[in-house]
Amino acid sequence: MKVTVRAGQTLADIAIQEYGSLEAVFLLAWENGFSPTVELSGGTELERPDATFDREMELYCRNNGISPATARTETDVTDTGIFTDTFTLQFM
C-alpha cells in the first residue's frame, strides 16, 4: 500500500496519520530508505507497511480526515483536518 505525502508533512505526521503513533516513524523510514528526519516533498509516494501501532488513533485520523502537517503555515491550511493548537487529553 502507498501513501501520498501532502505539502508540509513530515514522517512523524505520516506516522500519526497512518498508524496513530510516532513509533511508526522508524518503520516508515526503514521501509522507504530514509532517515527518520528526512524532509519530504508534497506528492512523494511512500510505501506504507501493514502494521498496527495505535488502532484507535489510526481510525480516528482516517474517519475524520486528519492529515497532520507540522510544517504548514496558517496560509497553507486548507481543509486538511489538521489537529488544532489546543491540547486535550483525548488521545492520552
N, C-alpha and C. Protein backbone atom coordinates (compact mmCIF):
# COMPACT_ATOMS: atom_id res chain seq x y z
N MET A 1 0.84 -1.17 0.00
CA MET A 1 0.00 0.00 0.00
C MET A 1 0.89 1.24 0.00
N LYS A 2 0.45 2.31 -0.62
CA LYS A 2 1.21 3.55 -0.68
C LYS A 2 0.40 4.69 -0.06
N VAL A 3 1.12 5.70 0.41
CA VAL A 3 0.51 6.92 0.93
C VAL A 3 1.21 8.09 0.27
N THR A 4 0.44 9.09 -0.13
CA THR A 4 1.00 10.27 -0.78
C THR A 4 1.18 11.37 0.26
N VAL A 5 2.38 11.91 0.32
CA VAL A 5 2.72 12.98 1.26
C VAL A 5 2.05 14.27 0.81
N ARG A 6 1.43 14.96 1.76
CA ARG A 6 0.84 16.27 1.49
C ARG A 6 1.88 17.33 1.82
N ALA A 7 1.71 18.52 1.25
CA ALA A 7 2.64 19.63 1.49
C ALA A 7 2.79 19.87 2.98
N GLY A 8 4.02 19.98 3.43
CA GLY A 8 4.29 20.30 4.83
C GLY A 8 4.36 19.10 5.76
N GLN A 9 4.11 17.89 5.26
CA GLN A 9 4.12 16.74 6.14
C GLN A 9 5.53 16.19 6.35
N THR A 10 5.75 15.70 7.55
CA THR A 10 6.99 15.02 7.92
C THR A 10 6.68 13.53 8.08
N LEU A 11 7.71 12.72 8.27
CA LEU A 11 7.46 11.30 8.54
C LEU A 11 6.64 11.14 9.83
N ALA A 12 6.88 12.02 10.81
CA ALA A 12 6.10 11.96 12.05
C ALA A 12 4.62 12.21 11.78
N ASP A 13 4.32 13.17 10.91
CA ASP A 13 2.93 13.44 10.54
C ASP A 13 2.29 12.22 9.88
N ILE A 14 3.03 11.61 8.96
CA ILE A 14 2.52 10.43 8.26
C ILE A 14 2.33 9.28 9.25
N ALA A 15 3.25 9.13 10.20
CA ALA A 15 3.13 8.07 11.21
C ALA A 15 1.84 8.23 12.01
N ILE A 16 1.53 9.47 12.42
CA ILE A 16 0.29 9.72 13.17
C ILE A 16 -0.91 9.48 12.27
N GLN A 17 -0.87 10.00 11.07
CA GLN A 17 -1.99 9.88 10.13
C GLN A 17 -2.29 8.43 9.80
N GLU A 18 -1.27 7.64 9.52
CA GLU A 18 -1.47 6.28 9.03
C GLU A 18 -1.48 5.21 10.11
N TYR A 19 -0.77 5.45 11.22
CA TYR A 19 -0.64 4.42 12.25
C TYR A 19 -1.11 4.87 13.63
N GLY A 20 -1.38 6.18 13.78
CA GLY A 20 -1.82 6.68 15.07
C GLY A 20 -0.73 6.76 16.12
N SER A 21 0.54 6.66 15.71
CA SER A 21 1.63 6.64 16.68
C SER A 21 2.94 7.11 16.07
N LEU A 22 3.69 7.87 16.86
CA LEU A 22 5.02 8.31 16.41
C LEU A 22 5.99 7.14 16.27
N GLU A 23 5.72 6.05 16.97
CA GLU A 23 6.59 4.87 16.87
C GLU A 23 6.75 4.39 15.43
N ALA A 24 5.77 4.65 14.60
CA ALA A 24 5.80 4.19 13.21
C ALA A 24 6.79 4.97 12.34
N VAL A 25 7.34 6.08 12.84
CA VAL A 25 8.32 6.85 12.07
C VAL A 25 9.45 5.95 11.61
N PHE A 26 9.95 5.13 12.49
CA PHE A 26 11.11 4.30 12.17
C PHE A 26 10.77 3.22 11.15
N LEU A 27 9.58 2.67 11.23
CA LEU A 27 9.14 1.69 10.23
C LEU A 27 9.02 2.36 8.86
N LEU A 28 8.39 3.52 8.81
CA LEU A 28 8.25 4.24 7.54
C LEU A 28 9.62 4.61 6.96
N ALA A 29 10.51 5.11 7.81
CA ALA A 29 11.85 5.49 7.35
C ALA A 29 12.59 4.27 6.78
N TRP A 30 12.58 3.19 7.51
CA TRP A 30 13.28 1.98 7.08
C TRP A 30 12.70 1.45 5.77
N GLU A 31 11.39 1.35 5.70
CA GLU A 31 10.72 0.79 4.51
C GLU A 31 10.99 1.63 3.26
N ASN A 32 11.17 2.94 3.44
CA ASN A 32 11.34 3.83 2.29
C ASN A 32 12.78 4.27 2.07
N GLY A 33 13.72 3.74 2.88
CA GLY A 33 15.13 4.04 2.71
C GLY A 33 15.50 5.46 3.08
N PHE A 34 14.80 6.03 4.07
CA PHE A 34 15.03 7.40 4.50
C PHE A 34 15.59 7.42 5.92
N SER A 35 16.15 8.57 6.28
CA SER A 35 16.44 8.88 7.68
C SER A 35 15.10 9.26 8.32
N PRO A 36 14.91 9.02 9.61
CA PRO A 36 13.67 9.43 10.26
C PRO A 36 13.44 10.94 10.22
N THR A 37 14.48 11.72 9.95
CA THR A 37 14.35 13.18 9.93
C THR A 37 14.34 13.76 8.52
N VAL A 38 14.15 12.92 7.52
CA VAL A 38 14.16 13.38 6.13
C VAL A 38 13.11 14.47 5.90
N GLU A 39 13.43 15.44 5.05
CA GLU A 39 12.45 16.45 4.65
C GLU A 39 11.75 15.93 3.41
N LEU A 40 10.44 15.78 3.49
CA LEU A 40 9.65 15.22 2.40
C LEU A 40 9.05 16.33 1.54
N SER A 41 8.81 16.01 0.29
CA SER A 41 8.15 16.93 -0.62
C SER A 41 6.73 16.46 -0.84
N GLY A 42 5.80 17.42 -0.92
CA GLY A 42 4.42 17.08 -1.23
C GLY A 42 4.35 16.31 -2.53
N GLY A 43 3.53 15.28 -2.56
CA GLY A 43 3.38 14.46 -3.75
C GLY A 43 4.23 13.20 -3.75
N THR A 44 5.20 13.13 -2.84
CA THR A 44 6.04 11.93 -2.73
C THR A 44 5.17 10.75 -2.31
N GLU A 45 5.36 9.61 -2.95
CA GLU A 45 4.64 8.41 -2.55
C GLU A 45 5.53 7.55 -1.68
N LEU A 46 5.00 7.16 -0.53
CA LEU A 46 5.72 6.31 0.41
C LEU A 46 5.08 4.94 0.47
N GLU A 47 5.91 3.92 0.64
CA GLU A 47 5.39 2.60 0.94
C GLU A 47 4.84 2.64 2.36
N ARG A 48 3.66 2.06 2.54
CA ARG A 48 3.03 2.01 3.86
C ARG A 48 2.93 0.55 4.28
N PRO A 49 3.91 0.09 5.06
CA PRO A 49 3.88 -1.30 5.51
C PRO A 49 2.63 -1.59 6.33
N ASP A 50 2.15 -2.80 6.24
CA ASP A 50 0.99 -3.23 7.02
C ASP A 50 1.45 -3.50 8.45
N ALA A 51 1.03 -2.67 9.37
CA ALA A 51 1.38 -2.83 10.77
C ALA A 51 0.34 -2.10 11.60
N THR A 52 0.28 -2.42 12.89
CA THR A 52 -0.64 -1.75 13.80
C THR A 52 0.15 -1.23 14.98
N PHE A 53 -0.07 0.04 15.31
CA PHE A 53 0.57 0.66 16.46
C PHE A 53 -0.50 1.13 17.44
N ASP A 54 -1.35 2.07 17.02
CA ASP A 54 -2.44 2.58 17.85
C ASP A 54 -3.69 2.62 16.98
N ARG A 55 -4.40 1.52 16.97
CA ARG A 55 -5.55 1.35 16.08
C ARG A 55 -6.61 2.42 16.30
N GLU A 56 -6.86 2.79 17.57
CA GLU A 56 -7.90 3.79 17.86
C GLU A 56 -7.56 5.14 17.22
N MET A 57 -6.33 5.59 17.38
CA MET A 57 -5.92 6.87 16.80
C MET A 57 -5.85 6.77 15.28
N GLU A 58 -5.38 5.65 14.77
CA GLU A 58 -5.34 5.44 13.31
C GLU A 58 -6.73 5.59 12.71
N LEU A 59 -7.71 4.94 13.32
CA LEU A 59 -9.08 5.02 12.82
C LEU A 59 -9.66 6.42 13.00
N TYR A 60 -9.32 7.08 14.10
CA TYR A 60 -9.79 8.44 14.32
C TYR A 60 -9.31 9.35 13.20
N CYS A 61 -8.02 9.27 12.88
CA CYS A 61 -7.46 10.10 11.81
C CYS A 61 -8.13 9.77 10.47
N ARG A 62 -8.27 8.50 10.18
CA ARG A 62 -8.87 8.08 8.91
C ARG A 62 -10.33 8.52 8.82
N ASN A 63 -11.10 8.28 9.87
CA ASN A 63 -12.53 8.59 9.85
C ASN A 63 -12.85 10.08 9.88
N ASN A 64 -11.89 10.88 10.36
CA ASN A 64 -12.12 12.32 10.47
C ASN A 64 -11.28 13.13 9.50
N GLY A 65 -10.64 12.45 8.56
CA GLY A 65 -9.86 13.15 7.55
C GLY A 65 -8.69 13.95 8.11
N ILE A 66 -8.09 13.44 9.20
CA ILE A 66 -6.97 14.14 9.84
C ILE A 66 -5.69 13.86 9.05
N SER A 67 -5.05 14.94 8.62
CA SER A 67 -3.77 14.87 7.90
C SER A 67 -2.82 15.87 8.53
N PRO A 68 -2.20 15.50 9.66
CA PRO A 68 -1.30 16.45 10.32
C PRO A 68 -0.21 16.93 9.38
N ALA A 69 0.18 18.18 9.51
CA ALA A 69 1.25 18.74 8.70
C ALA A 69 2.02 19.73 9.55
N THR A 70 3.08 19.26 10.15
CA THR A 70 3.89 20.06 11.07
C THR A 70 4.41 21.33 10.44
N ALA A 71 4.84 21.27 9.20
CA ALA A 71 5.50 22.41 8.57
C ALA A 71 4.54 23.39 7.91
N ARG A 72 3.26 23.21 8.05
CA ARG A 72 2.29 24.12 7.43
C ARG A 72 2.26 25.45 8.15
N THR A 73 1.99 26.48 7.40
CA THR A 73 1.73 27.79 7.99
C THR A 73 0.24 28.00 7.91
N GLU A 74 -0.26 29.01 8.57
CA GLU A 74 -1.70 29.25 8.56
C GLU A 74 -2.21 29.51 7.16
N THR A 75 -1.40 30.08 6.28
CA THR A 75 -1.86 30.36 4.92
C THR A 75 -1.88 29.08 4.07
N ASP A 76 -1.18 28.04 4.51
CA ASP A 76 -1.16 26.77 3.78
C ASP A 76 -2.36 25.90 4.12
N VAL A 77 -3.00 26.16 5.23
CA VAL A 77 -4.04 25.26 5.73
C VAL A 77 -5.31 25.46 4.91
N THR A 78 -5.65 24.40 4.21
CA THR A 78 -6.95 24.35 3.55
C THR A 78 -7.70 23.24 4.27
N ASP A 79 -8.66 22.66 3.75
CA ASP A 79 -9.45 21.68 4.51
C ASP A 79 -8.73 20.34 4.67
N THR A 80 -7.60 20.34 5.42
CA THR A 80 -6.84 19.12 5.63
C THR A 80 -7.22 18.41 6.91
N GLY A 81 -7.98 19.06 7.78
CA GLY A 81 -8.37 18.42 9.03
C GLY A 81 -7.22 18.24 9.98
N ILE A 82 -6.24 19.18 9.99
CA ILE A 82 -5.11 19.04 10.89
C ILE A 82 -5.56 19.25 12.32
N PHE A 83 -4.75 18.79 13.26
CA PHE A 83 -5.06 18.97 14.66
C PHE A 83 -5.03 20.46 15.00
N THR A 84 -5.80 20.85 16.00
CA THR A 84 -5.81 22.25 16.43
C THR A 84 -4.66 22.51 17.38
N ASP A 85 -4.46 23.77 17.73
CA ASP A 85 -3.41 24.14 18.67
C ASP A 85 -3.79 23.83 20.11
N THR A 86 -5.03 23.49 20.37
CA THR A 86 -5.50 23.23 21.71
C THR A 86 -5.24 21.77 22.08
N PHE A 87 -4.50 21.57 23.16
CA PHE A 87 -4.19 20.22 23.62
C PHE A 87 -5.33 19.70 24.48
N THR A 88 -5.72 18.46 24.22
CA THR A 88 -6.73 17.81 25.07
C THR A 88 -6.19 16.45 25.49
N LEU A 89 -6.76 15.90 26.49
CA LEU A 89 -6.35 14.58 26.97
C LEU A 89 -6.99 13.45 26.19
N GLN A 90 -7.75 13.76 25.16
CA GLN A 90 -8.50 12.76 24.40
C GLN A 90 -7.61 11.64 23.88
N PHE A 91 -6.37 11.96 23.51
CA PHE A 91 -5.52 10.95 22.87
C PHE A 91 -4.44 10.39 23.79
N MET A 92 -4.58 10.58 25.08
CA MET A 92 -3.58 10.04 26.01
C MET A 92 -4.04 8.71 26.54
